Full PDB file with SEQRES, HELIX, SHEET, SSBOND, CRYST1, ORIGX, SCALE, CONECT and MASTER records, all heavy atoms in Angstrom:
SEQRES   1 A   31  GLY SER SER LEU LEU MET ASN TYR GLY LEU LEU HIS LEU          
SEQRES   2 A   31  LEU VAL GLY TYR PHE GLY LEU TRP ALA THR PRO SER GLN          
SEQRES   3 A   31  ALA PHE ILE ILE VAL                                          
HELIX    1 AA1 SER A    2  LEU A   11  1                                  10    
HELIX    2 AA2 HIS A   12  TYR A   17  3                                   6    
HELIX    3 AA3 ALA A   22  ILE A   30  1                                   9    
CRYST1    1.000    1.000    1.000  90.00  90.00  90.00 P 1           1          
ORIGX1      1.000000  0.000000  0.000000        0.00000                         
ORIGX2      0.000000  1.000000  0.000000        0.00000                         
ORIGX3      0.000000  0.000000  1.000000        0.00000                         
SCALE1      1.000000  0.000000  0.000000        0.00000                         
SCALE2      0.000000  1.000000  0.000000        0.00000                         
SCALE3      0.000000  0.000000  1.000000        0.00000                         
ATOM      1  N   GLY A   1      40.410-229.450 -90.586  1.00  0.00           N  
ATOM      2  CA  GLY A   1      39.816-228.303 -91.244  1.00  0.00           C  
ATOM      3  C   GLY A   1      38.447-228.598 -91.683  1.00  0.00           C  
ATOM      4  O   GLY A   1      37.570-227.764 -91.541  1.00  0.00           O  
ATOM      5  N   SER A   2      38.217-229.697 -92.343  1.00  0.00           N  
ATOM      6  CA  SER A   2      36.929-230.081 -92.806  1.00  0.00           C  
ATOM      7  C   SER A   2      35.961-230.211 -91.567  1.00  0.00           C  
ATOM      8  O   SER A   2      34.836-229.683 -91.650  1.00  0.00           O  
ATOM      9  CB  SER A   2      36.959-231.417 -93.540  1.00  0.00           C  
ATOM     10  OG  SER A   2      37.743-231.345 -94.631  1.00  0.00           O  
ATOM     11  N   SER A   3      36.394-230.790 -90.539  1.00  0.00           N  
ATOM     12  CA  SER A   3      35.618-230.948 -89.305  1.00  0.00           C  
ATOM     13  C   SER A   3      35.311-229.556 -88.702  1.00  0.00           C  
ATOM     14  O   SER A   3      34.221-229.314 -88.253  1.00  0.00           O  
ATOM     15  CB  SER A   3      36.331-231.780 -88.285  1.00  0.00           C  
ATOM     16  OG  SER A   3      36.431-233.121 -88.711  1.00  0.00           O  
ATOM     17  N   LEU A   4      36.325-228.654 -88.768  1.00  0.00           N  
ATOM     18  CA  LEU A   4      36.123-227.278 -88.272  1.00  0.00           C  
ATOM     19  C   LEU A   4      35.020-226.557 -89.063  1.00  0.00           C  
ATOM     20  O   LEU A   4      34.169-225.917 -88.451  1.00  0.00           O  
ATOM     21  CB  LEU A   4      37.434-226.523 -88.338  1.00  0.00           C  
ATOM     22  CG  LEU A   4      37.409-225.135 -87.788  1.00  0.00           C  
ATOM     23  CD1 LEU A   4      37.063-225.090 -86.362  1.00  0.00           C  
ATOM     24  CD2 LEU A   4      38.770-224.463 -88.015  1.00  0.00           C  
ATOM     25  N   LEU A   5      35.074-226.701 -90.348  1.00  0.00           N  
ATOM     26  CA  LEU A   5      33.986-226.056 -91.161  1.00  0.00           C  
ATOM     27  C   LEU A   5      32.668-226.619 -90.903  1.00  0.00           C  
ATOM     28  O   LEU A   5      31.663-225.849 -90.734  1.00  0.00           O  
ATOM     29  CB  LEU A   5      34.348-226.225 -92.709  1.00  0.00           C  
ATOM     30  CG  LEU A   5      35.519-225.370 -93.182  1.00  0.00           C  
ATOM     31  CD1 LEU A   5      35.777-225.738 -94.656  1.00  0.00           C  
ATOM     32  CD2 LEU A   5      35.270-223.912 -92.985  1.00  0.00           C  
ATOM     33  N   MET A   6      32.572-227.969 -90.743  1.00  0.00           N  
ATOM     34  CA  MET A   6      31.275-228.595 -90.421  1.00  0.00           C  
ATOM     35  C   MET A   6      30.848-228.173 -88.980  1.00  0.00           C  
ATOM     36  O   MET A   6      29.727-227.886 -88.742  1.00  0.00           O  
ATOM     37  CB  MET A   6      31.355-230.072 -90.566  1.00  0.00           C  
ATOM     38  CG  MET A   6      31.426-230.561 -91.984  1.00  0.00           C  
ATOM     39  SD  MET A   6      31.441-232.374 -92.154  1.00  0.00           S  
ATOM     40  CE  MET A   6      33.123-232.779 -91.951  1.00  0.00           C  
ATOM     41  N   ASN A   7      31.866-228.129 -88.078  1.00  0.00           N  
ATOM     42  CA  ASN A   7      31.603-227.755 -86.677  1.00  0.00           C  
ATOM     43  C   ASN A   7      31.059-226.302 -86.670  1.00  0.00           C  
ATOM     44  O   ASN A   7      30.115-225.990 -85.967  1.00  0.00           O  
ATOM     45  CB  ASN A   7      32.870-227.867 -85.891  1.00  0.00           C  
ATOM     46  CG  ASN A   7      32.666-227.746 -84.434  1.00  0.00           C  
ATOM     47  OD1 ASN A   7      31.626-227.618 -83.916  1.00  0.00           O  
ATOM     48  ND2 ASN A   7      33.824-227.818 -83.740  1.00  0.00           N  
ATOM     49  N   TYR A   8      31.694-225.479 -87.429  1.00  0.00           N  
ATOM     50  CA  TYR A   8      31.305-224.040 -87.457  1.00  0.00           C  
ATOM     51  C   TYR A   8      29.903-223.907 -87.947  1.00  0.00           C  
ATOM     52  O   TYR A   8      29.014-223.234 -87.320  1.00  0.00           O  
ATOM     53  CB  TYR A   8      32.207-223.302 -88.480  1.00  0.00           C  
ATOM     54  CG  TYR A   8      31.957-221.805 -88.668  1.00  0.00           C  
ATOM     55  CD1 TYR A   8      32.362-220.867 -87.749  1.00  0.00           C  
ATOM     56  CD2 TYR A   8      31.209-221.352 -89.786  1.00  0.00           C  
ATOM     57  CE1 TYR A   8      32.162-219.556 -87.910  1.00  0.00           C  
ATOM     58  CE2 TYR A   8      30.959-220.049 -89.958  1.00  0.00           C  
ATOM     59  CZ  TYR A   8      31.442-219.142 -89.039  1.00  0.00           C  
ATOM     60  OH  TYR A   8      31.126-217.820 -89.190  1.00  0.00           O  
ATOM     61  N   GLY A   9      29.574-224.580 -89.030  1.00  0.00           N  
ATOM     62  CA  GLY A   9      28.185-224.539 -89.534  1.00  0.00           C  
ATOM     63  C   GLY A   9      27.159-225.106 -88.542  1.00  0.00           C  
ATOM     64  O   GLY A   9      26.117-224.486 -88.359  1.00  0.00           O  
ATOM     65  N   LEU A  10      27.543-226.239 -87.951  1.00  0.00           N  
ATOM     66  CA  LEU A  10      26.577-226.838 -87.038  1.00  0.00           C  
ATOM     67  C   LEU A  10      26.432-226.018 -85.733  1.00  0.00           C  
ATOM     68  O   LEU A  10      25.338-225.917 -85.208  1.00  0.00           O  
ATOM     69  CB  LEU A  10      27.067-228.290 -86.727  1.00  0.00           C  
ATOM     70  CG  LEU A  10      26.870-229.336 -87.816  1.00  0.00           C  
ATOM     71  CD1 LEU A  10      27.583-230.568 -87.473  1.00  0.00           C  
ATOM     72  CD2 LEU A  10      25.390-229.551 -88.086  1.00  0.00           C  
ATOM     73  N   LEU A  11      27.552-225.406 -85.315  1.00  0.00           N  
ATOM     74  CA  LEU A  11      27.474-224.530 -84.064  1.00  0.00           C  
ATOM     75  C   LEU A  11      26.505-223.378 -84.422  1.00  0.00           C  
ATOM     76  O   LEU A  11      25.663-223.010 -83.556  1.00  0.00           O  
ATOM     77  CB  LEU A  11      28.808-224.069 -83.641  1.00  0.00           C  
ATOM     78  CG  LEU A  11      29.508-224.802 -82.561  1.00  0.00           C  
ATOM     79  CD1 LEU A  11      30.877-224.245 -82.286  1.00  0.00           C  
ATOM     80  CD2 LEU A  11      28.694-224.877 -81.243  1.00  0.00           C  
ATOM     81  N   HIS A  12      26.640-222.706 -85.606  1.00  0.00           N  
ATOM     82  CA  HIS A  12      25.837-221.604 -85.920  1.00  0.00           C  
ATOM     83  C   HIS A  12      24.394-222.094 -86.021  1.00  0.00           C  
ATOM     84  O   HIS A  12      23.447-221.383 -85.615  1.00  0.00           O  
ATOM     85  CB  HIS A  12      26.279-220.964 -87.198  1.00  0.00           C  
ATOM     86  CG  HIS A  12      27.252-219.898 -87.006  1.00  0.00           C  
ATOM     87  ND1 HIS A  12      27.023-218.773 -86.245  1.00  0.00           N  
ATOM     88  CD2 HIS A  12      28.523-219.754 -87.455  1.00  0.00           C  
ATOM     89  CE1 HIS A  12      28.103-217.989 -86.242  1.00  0.00           C  
ATOM     90  NE2 HIS A  12      29.033-218.563 -86.941  1.00  0.00           N  
ATOM     91  N   LEU A  13      24.157-223.264 -86.534  1.00  0.00           N  
ATOM     92  CA  LEU A  13      22.824-223.768 -86.701  1.00  0.00           C  
ATOM     93  C   LEU A  13      22.170-224.008 -85.323  1.00  0.00           C  
ATOM     94  O   LEU A  13      21.086-223.596 -85.065  1.00  0.00           O  
ATOM     95  CB  LEU A  13      22.813-225.088 -87.505  1.00  0.00           C  
ATOM     96  CG  LEU A  13      21.489-225.781 -87.763  1.00  0.00           C  
ATOM     97  CD1 LEU A  13      20.519-224.877 -88.610  1.00  0.00           C  
ATOM     98  CD2 LEU A  13      21.651-227.155 -88.342  1.00  0.00           C  
ATOM     99  N   LEU A  14      22.932-224.804 -84.500  1.00  0.00           N  
ATOM    100  CA  LEU A  14      22.371-225.230 -83.220  1.00  0.00           C  
ATOM    101  C   LEU A  14      22.243-224.096 -82.218  1.00  0.00           C  
ATOM    102  O   LEU A  14      21.262-223.976 -81.487  1.00  0.00           O  
ATOM    103  CB  LEU A  14      23.159-226.370 -82.640  1.00  0.00           C  
ATOM    104  CG  LEU A  14      23.184-227.664 -83.408  1.00  0.00           C  
ATOM    105  CD1 LEU A  14      24.096-228.719 -82.823  1.00  0.00           C  
ATOM    106  CD2 LEU A  14      21.804-228.239 -83.590  1.00  0.00           C  
ATOM    107  N   VAL A  15      23.343-223.233 -82.131  1.00  0.00           N  
ATOM    108  CA  VAL A  15      23.342-222.214 -81.130  1.00  0.00           C  
ATOM    109  C   VAL A  15      22.722-220.916 -81.729  1.00  0.00           C  
ATOM    110  O   VAL A  15      21.842-220.286 -81.076  1.00  0.00           O  
ATOM    111  CB  VAL A  15      24.739-221.940 -80.638  1.00  0.00           C  
ATOM    112  CG1 VAL A  15      24.814-220.787 -79.660  1.00  0.00           C  
ATOM    113  CG2 VAL A  15      25.354-223.216 -80.024  1.00  0.00           C  
ATOM    114  N   GLY A  16      23.190-220.476 -82.859  1.00  0.00           N  
ATOM    115  CA  GLY A  16      22.734-219.226 -83.450  1.00  0.00           C  
ATOM    116  C   GLY A  16      21.350-219.277 -83.957  1.00  0.00           C  
ATOM    117  O   GLY A  16      20.598-218.304 -83.809  1.00  0.00           O  
ATOM    118  N   TYR A  17      20.891-220.412 -84.546  1.00  0.00           N  
ATOM    119  CA  TYR A  17      19.572-220.436 -85.149  1.00  0.00           C  
ATOM    120  C   TYR A  17      18.539-221.044 -84.238  1.00  0.00           C  
ATOM    121  O   TYR A  17      17.450-220.533 -84.042  1.00  0.00           O  
ATOM    122  CB  TYR A  17      19.630-221.218 -86.547  1.00  0.00           C  
ATOM    123  CG  TYR A  17      18.314-221.284 -87.225  1.00  0.00           C  
ATOM    124  CD1 TYR A  17      17.869-220.147 -87.907  1.00  0.00           C  
ATOM    125  CD2 TYR A  17      17.636-222.409 -87.233  1.00  0.00           C  
ATOM    126  CE1 TYR A  17      16.614-220.174 -88.569  1.00  0.00           C  
ATOM    127  CE2 TYR A  17      16.379-222.527 -87.930  1.00  0.00           C  
ATOM    128  CZ  TYR A  17      15.916-221.364 -88.605  1.00  0.00           C  
ATOM    129  OH  TYR A  17      14.683-221.398 -89.231  1.00  0.00           O  
ATOM    130  N   PHE A  18      18.922-222.244 -83.635  1.00  0.00           N  
ATOM    131  CA  PHE A  18      17.953-222.914 -82.836  1.00  0.00           C  
ATOM    132  C   PHE A  18      17.937-222.494 -81.368  1.00  0.00           C  
ATOM    133  O   PHE A  18      17.116-222.785 -80.566  1.00  0.00           O  
ATOM    134  CB  PHE A  18      18.185-224.459 -82.866  1.00  0.00           C  
ATOM    135  CG  PHE A  18      17.766-225.111 -84.139  1.00  0.00           C  
ATOM    136  CD1 PHE A  18      18.712-225.811 -84.928  1.00  0.00           C  
ATOM    137  CD2 PHE A  18      16.482-224.990 -84.673  1.00  0.00           C  
ATOM    138  CE1 PHE A  18      18.341-226.405 -86.127  1.00  0.00           C  
ATOM    139  CE2 PHE A  18      16.139-225.570 -85.926  1.00  0.00           C  
ATOM    140  CZ  PHE A  18      17.061-226.208 -86.573  1.00  0.00           C  
ATOM    141  N   GLY A  19      19.055-221.744 -81.007  1.00  0.00           N  
ATOM    142  CA  GLY A  19      19.100-221.190 -79.630  1.00  0.00           C  
ATOM    143  C   GLY A  19      19.475-222.184 -78.555  1.00  0.00           C  
ATOM    144  O   GLY A  19      19.206-221.994 -77.431  1.00  0.00           O  
ATOM    145  N   LEU A  20      20.106-223.330 -78.947  1.00  0.00           N  
ATOM    146  CA  LEU A  20      20.495-224.306 -77.975  1.00  0.00           C  
ATOM    147  C   LEU A  20      21.765-223.856 -77.203  1.00  0.00           C  
ATOM    148  O   LEU A  20      22.426-222.963 -77.632  1.00  0.00           O  
ATOM    149  CB  LEU A  20      20.788-225.637 -78.663  1.00  0.00           C  
ATOM    150  CG  LEU A  20      19.616-226.229 -79.408  1.00  0.00           C  
ATOM    151  CD1 LEU A  20      20.035-227.501 -80.157  1.00  0.00           C  
ATOM    152  CD2 LEU A  20      18.461-226.574 -78.550  1.00  0.00           C  
ATOM    153  N   TRP A  21      22.002-224.466 -76.065  1.00  0.00           N  
ATOM    154  CA  TRP A  21      23.186-224.127 -75.260  1.00  0.00           C  
ATOM    155  C   TRP A  21      24.457-224.477 -75.996  1.00  0.00           C  
ATOM    156  O   TRP A  21      24.487-225.531 -76.698  1.00  0.00           O  
ATOM    157  CB  TRP A  21      23.126-224.799 -73.915  1.00  0.00           C  
ATOM    158  CG  TRP A  21      22.058-224.279 -72.982  1.00  0.00           C  
ATOM    159  CD1 TRP A  21      21.354-223.095 -73.088  1.00  0.00           C  
ATOM    160  CD2 TRP A  21      21.598-224.974 -71.829  1.00  0.00           C  
ATOM    161  NE1 TRP A  21      20.487-223.001 -72.075  1.00  0.00           N  
ATOM    162  CE2 TRP A  21      20.554-224.113 -71.239  1.00  0.00           C  
ATOM    163  CE3 TRP A  21      21.833-226.121 -71.177  1.00  0.00           C  
ATOM    164  CZ2 TRP A  21      19.873-224.395 -70.136  1.00  0.00           C  
ATOM    165  CZ3 TRP A  21      21.117-226.451 -70.051  1.00  0.00           C  
ATOM    166  CH2 TRP A  21      20.183-225.594 -69.536  1.00  0.00           C  
ATOM    167  N   ALA A  22      25.471-223.680 -75.853  1.00  0.00           N  
ATOM    168  CA  ALA A  22      26.734-223.855 -76.624  1.00  0.00           C  
ATOM    169  C   ALA A  22      27.457-225.182 -76.211  1.00  0.00           C  
ATOM    170  O   ALA A  22      27.861-225.926 -77.198  1.00  0.00           O  
ATOM    171  CB  ALA A  22      27.604-222.659 -76.452  1.00  0.00           C  
ATOM    172  N   THR A  23      27.611-225.454 -74.950  1.00  0.00           N  
ATOM    173  CA  THR A  23      28.489-226.593 -74.578  1.00  0.00           C  
ATOM    174  C   THR A  23      27.860-227.963 -74.954  1.00  0.00           C  
ATOM    175  O   THR A  23      28.495-228.790 -75.532  1.00  0.00           O  
ATOM    176  CB  THR A  23      28.829-226.526 -73.075  1.00  0.00           C  
ATOM    177  OG1 THR A  23      29.542-225.310 -72.830  1.00  0.00           O  
ATOM    178  CG2 THR A  23      29.773-227.697 -72.702  1.00  0.00           C  
ATOM    179  N   PRO A  24      26.539-228.203 -74.677  1.00  0.00           N  
ATOM    180  CA  PRO A  24      25.939-229.461 -75.115  1.00  0.00           C  
ATOM    181  C   PRO A  24      25.888-229.588 -76.637  1.00  0.00           C  
ATOM    182  O   PRO A  24      26.018-230.641 -77.201  1.00  0.00           O  
ATOM    183  CB  PRO A  24      24.482-229.396 -74.552  1.00  0.00           C  
ATOM    184  CG  PRO A  24      24.567-228.410 -73.450  1.00  0.00           C  
ATOM    185  CD  PRO A  24      25.674-227.443 -73.765  1.00  0.00           C  
ATOM    186  N   SER A  25      25.728-228.446 -77.355  1.00  0.00           N  
ATOM    187  CA  SER A  25      25.762-228.456 -78.825  1.00  0.00           C  
ATOM    188  C   SER A  25      27.133-228.871 -79.306  1.00  0.00           C  
ATOM    189  O   SER A  25      27.268-229.713 -80.174  1.00  0.00           O  
ATOM    190  CB  SER A  25      25.419-227.124 -79.362  1.00  0.00           C  
ATOM    191  OG  SER A  25      24.098-226.744 -79.056  1.00  0.00           O  
ATOM    192  N   GLN A  26      28.202-228.333 -78.662  1.00  0.00           N  
ATOM    193  CA  GLN A  26      29.564-228.715 -79.043  1.00  0.00           C  
ATOM    194  C   GLN A  26      29.812-230.205 -78.773  1.00  0.00           C  
ATOM    195  O   GLN A  26      30.457-230.864 -79.576  1.00  0.00           O  
ATOM    196  CB  GLN A  26      30.565-227.791 -78.308  1.00  0.00           C  
ATOM    197  CG  GLN A  26      31.978-228.132 -78.663  1.00  0.00           C  
ATOM    198  CD  GLN A  26      32.383-227.881 -80.063  1.00  0.00           C  
ATOM    199  OE1 GLN A  26      31.632-227.209 -80.845  1.00  0.00           O  
ATOM    200  NE2 GLN A  26      33.508-228.364 -80.508  1.00  0.00           N  
ATOM    201  N   ALA A  27      29.334-230.709 -77.620  1.00  0.00           N  
ATOM    202  CA  ALA A  27      29.478-232.143 -77.300  1.00  0.00           C  
ATOM    203  C   ALA A  27      28.817-232.983 -78.379  1.00  0.00           C  
ATOM    204  O   ALA A  27      29.391-234.010 -78.813  1.00  0.00           O  
ATOM    205  CB  ALA A  27      28.855-232.372 -75.902  1.00  0.00           C  
ATOM    206  N   PHE A  28      27.628-232.665 -78.765  1.00  0.00           N  
ATOM    207  CA  PHE A  28      26.979-233.395 -79.821  1.00  0.00           C  
ATOM    208  C   PHE A  28      27.735-233.407 -81.181  1.00  0.00           C  
ATOM    209  O   PHE A  28      27.890-234.435 -81.772  1.00  0.00           O  
ATOM    210  CB  PHE A  28      25.494-232.819 -80.009  1.00  0.00           C  
ATOM    211  CG  PHE A  28      24.777-233.421 -81.171  1.00  0.00           C  
ATOM    212  CD1 PHE A  28      24.305-234.711 -81.109  1.00  0.00           C  
ATOM    213  CD2 PHE A  28      24.626-232.660 -82.355  1.00  0.00           C  
ATOM    214  CE1 PHE A  28      23.597-235.232 -82.239  1.00  0.00           C  
ATOM    215  CE2 PHE A  28      23.957-233.209 -83.469  1.00  0.00           C  
ATOM    216  CZ  PHE A  28      23.412-234.467 -83.333  1.00  0.00           C  
ATOM    217  N   ILE A  29      28.245-232.255 -81.498  1.00  0.00           N  
ATOM    218  CA  ILE A  29      29.016-232.094 -82.739  1.00  0.00           C  
ATOM    219  C   ILE A  29      30.320-232.918 -82.659  1.00  0.00           C  
ATOM    220  O   ILE A  29      30.733-233.547 -83.652  1.00  0.00           O  
ATOM    221  CB  ILE A  29      29.308-230.608 -83.015  1.00  0.00           C  
ATOM    222  CG1 ILE A  29      27.984-229.911 -83.341  1.00  0.00           C  
ATOM    223  CG2 ILE A  29      30.298-230.456 -84.111  1.00  0.00           C  
ATOM    224  CD1 ILE A  29      28.090-228.360 -83.336  1.00  0.00           C  
ATOM    225  N   ILE A  30      30.926-232.994 -81.514  1.00  0.00           N  
ATOM    226  CA  ILE A  30      32.187-233.781 -81.354  1.00  0.00           C  
ATOM    227  C   ILE A  30      31.885-235.206 -81.652  1.00  0.00           C  
ATOM    228  O   ILE A  30      32.701-235.927 -82.303  1.00  0.00           O  
ATOM    229  CB  ILE A  30      32.745-233.630 -79.912  1.00  0.00           C  
ATOM    230  CG1 ILE A  30      33.398-232.208 -79.741  1.00  0.00           C  
ATOM    231  CG2 ILE A  30      33.675-234.722 -79.538  1.00  0.00           C  
ATOM    232  CD1 ILE A  30      33.786-231.854 -78.348  1.00  0.00           C  
ATOM    233  N   VAL A  31      30.741-235.736 -81.248  1.00  0.00           N  
ATOM    234  CA  VAL A  31      30.393-237.153 -81.500  1.00  0.00           C  
ATOM    235  C   VAL A  31      30.283-237.389 -83.007  1.00  0.00           C  
ATOM    236  O   VAL A  31      30.786-238.317 -83.558  1.00  0.00           O  
ATOM    237  CB  VAL A  31      29.119-237.537 -80.758  1.00  0.00           C  
ATOM    238  CG1 VAL A  31      28.622-238.881 -81.193  1.00  0.00           C  
ATOM    239  CG2 VAL A  31      29.304-237.529 -79.265  1.00  0.00           C  
TER     240      VAL A  31                                                      
MASTER        0    0    0    3    0    0    0    6  239    1    0    3          
END                                                                             
């Protein structure tokens, strides 16, 4: 759950704000 919240925030930051591609952003967050 904690990871999901951090993942959610980071996905919004990387994809929604910075406009990066979703799948590479998710891969980075997984690491």
